[in-house]
Every structure is written in C-alpha cells, then in structure tokens.
Amino acid sequence: MRQRLWSIPVVVIVALALTSTGAGAAGGGRVASACSNQTVNGGKYVGKVTLRFVLIGKVSCTEAHRNIRAFFHHVAVGPCEGNICGVDLPGGWTCSWPLYAGEGNGDFAGCFRAATGAKIRVYKSQAGQDAASCANQRVALGSGSEVFYAFTLHGVACAKAHALITAYSHRATTGRGCEGRGTACGYEVSGSWCSLPGYANAPVDTGCCENTGHAIGGCPLRGAGFTVRATSPPPGWHAQLHLTQFETPGGSISCESDGFGPKGYTRCSVSSRNEFAVPAAWMEAPRVRVCTHREELVQPAGEGSACPALELDRKVILTDGQENELGGIRCVVAPEGVTCTFAAGAEAGKGFRINSSEVVQLG
C-alpha cells in the first residue's frame, strides 16, 4: 500500500479525530504497563526524542510502536506538507501532529484508526530526558566540599543545565553565599533563575528555570527548567571524595561532615528507619567522643552535646573501599564499618570505628 501525505484541509479532520476525546485520554486512555517508552528520530527539526504512550481502544503496544516509528521516519525524510504532516499508514491508520500547540492535553503526536476508533497518543518523556540524555555531574562547593547531582530536565539541554548548576553552586557556597537571600537563596544566572526549594525535606535540592526574576516555586508550570538531587558517586569510583553527607549500603550507618579550612567535624551514627540511634560518635580536633546510650544524643545539636544527631537524607551511598575526606577528617567505608580519623597533625590517627553493633574510639 502506498503511503499518502495529507495537505492541511483534509488533515483538519484527522486532528479533530485525534483530539476530540481529549478528556477521555486522561480518564479513558490506557497507559499500557507493557508498552515501554520509545526513542525516535524526527530529523533536523525534531531530533531524537523519547516518547511515552497512551493507548485508547483496541491497539497493541507493538502496533503503536510500529506506527509511531513509521510516522517519525516520514517526518525526518519528508516530504511533510502543511503544519500537520498527516500520513496514511498500513492497516487503516492515519498519524499526524496535533492541529495547533497545546491541543490534545499536550500530546506530541498521534494516530487514529477510523474503522475501530482506536487511538495512539505519544508524549515527550521527561524520564527519558533525565536518564538517557543527561549524565550525573560532580560539582565543587565551598569549603572544599563537593556533590554529585542527578538531573531532571524540562525542555532544557543537558549542557546548559550542567553549566547553570555549576555557576549557581559556586555563587551560593562562596563569598557571601546565601546571606541576605532568604531560605531559597535565589540568584539570576545567565538569564535563568536558580534557587533552593526553601523548605526542609524537599524532594529536590536545587532548581533553575527560564523565568528570570522569580523563585523556582513561581516558575511557569510548562516553562523550561530543571531540578537536581544529590546522588551517589558512579559505580567503581575510586578517587577520594569530599562529601558533606553519606550513608553505607542499606542505610545502617549515616555520617555528616563539614569543613572549615583545614579543620572540620564529622559525626556518624547507626541509623534506625529515619532516626539516629546508638552507637554514635563525633569528632572535631582535638576531641573524639563516642556514645553508647541514647540519652547522650541531642537533637538538634546543642553546645556541649556529646554526640549530635541530624536528619537523615538517605540518598548518597558509599560502598566498601570508598574514602571521604573533609575538614581534615578522613572516613573509609569497609565491611567492618566506617573508620574516621584525623588525617594530619598531632591528632593524626585518632578517631573512631563504628558499625551496627558497636563504636570504638581509636588512638
């Protein structure tokens, strides 16, 4: 069967058929659990894009994948007449773009089979942008610390997101940092607005949007932007790390470090669900303290507290053999637990070793 390209007057009917049940797409559409996302190449005007599928009526995932792949092939090689690019495909299917921007509850393209009323709608997949297109990034912060960020993109190129988060992180953690900028610590960076969420236990750590002059909470719902979340180092990472927080696999031990030039502090604790428990330990040159009774824990940490506790993030995991150093305190993860010691000076070698059953003071 020869495939036929529609011109604008005829395709208006196709577009109406694709979108006339827009409300039903949300309520009556079937997001098939067995229908995986698909990456297609729409040529120079579309590029590679990852799509998620909504199937309506009698249509299989295999059939949907085949039709969408064929449609985007026609988009790429042309000719593609009009603003709809309607294409007849085998089996009585017709595929096209929506008639105008925003039609059809935001669908990116779709197919319609007149004989059965079956429909295929595809949407750009944000998960595809996050996982497939944008690698995690190591970002240097103030006080010699660092963080690995995982990205979720919304209409922003990965390279731009990497550049913005690097620039924002430098401004927010050096010089005056967030002083005088409220809990959100907002900065205008290269025409975008970047900020922290501004509240505790937020699902993301930082975000930027292309809506200059507004905090991230005021970014347009459909505007371009991205968010980042601290994550673990890449598998097999052997270089020394400089993280402010980390946990061991399974979340059995949680630690926090901070650096103040050559000196800083580190505190670790056995963690139980979302609360710290004992044993626990704390060190800041030249002192090392270990705690074996829960009453020795203070939350939040107060002056003179023996083993300050802190909220758990449970997002950055170090594996056996990985090493973290910050503020002159080096911690190494091993099967027998986490060992933290002063790295230099008169206190070198002093510290503690902690695992799920005990804490031992060293030196």
Foldseek 3Di string as FASTA:
>chain_A
DDKDWDAPVVCVVVLCLQFVVLVCQVVVWAQDPPQDWDWEQQADVPGIFIKGKTKHFDDDSVRLVVVVNVQSVCSHPDDQHDPWSWMQDPPQKIKTARPDQCGSPQFGIKIARVVGRIIMTIHTDQVCCQPPFADWDWEAAPQRAIFIKGKRWQPDHNVVVVVQVNVLRHQLHDDCRQVPVALFSWDQDPQKIKTAPSDPPDPFGIKIFNPPPDGPVPHDPNGTIMTIHTAADPPPDQDEHAHQWEAAPVRQKIKGWAADHLWTKMKMAGDDDFWGDDFIWIDTPPDIATDGHRVLEDVCDDPPRRGHTDTDDPGYYDYANHWYDGNQKIWGQHPQAIWIFRCDDPRGFWYWGDGNPDIDTTD
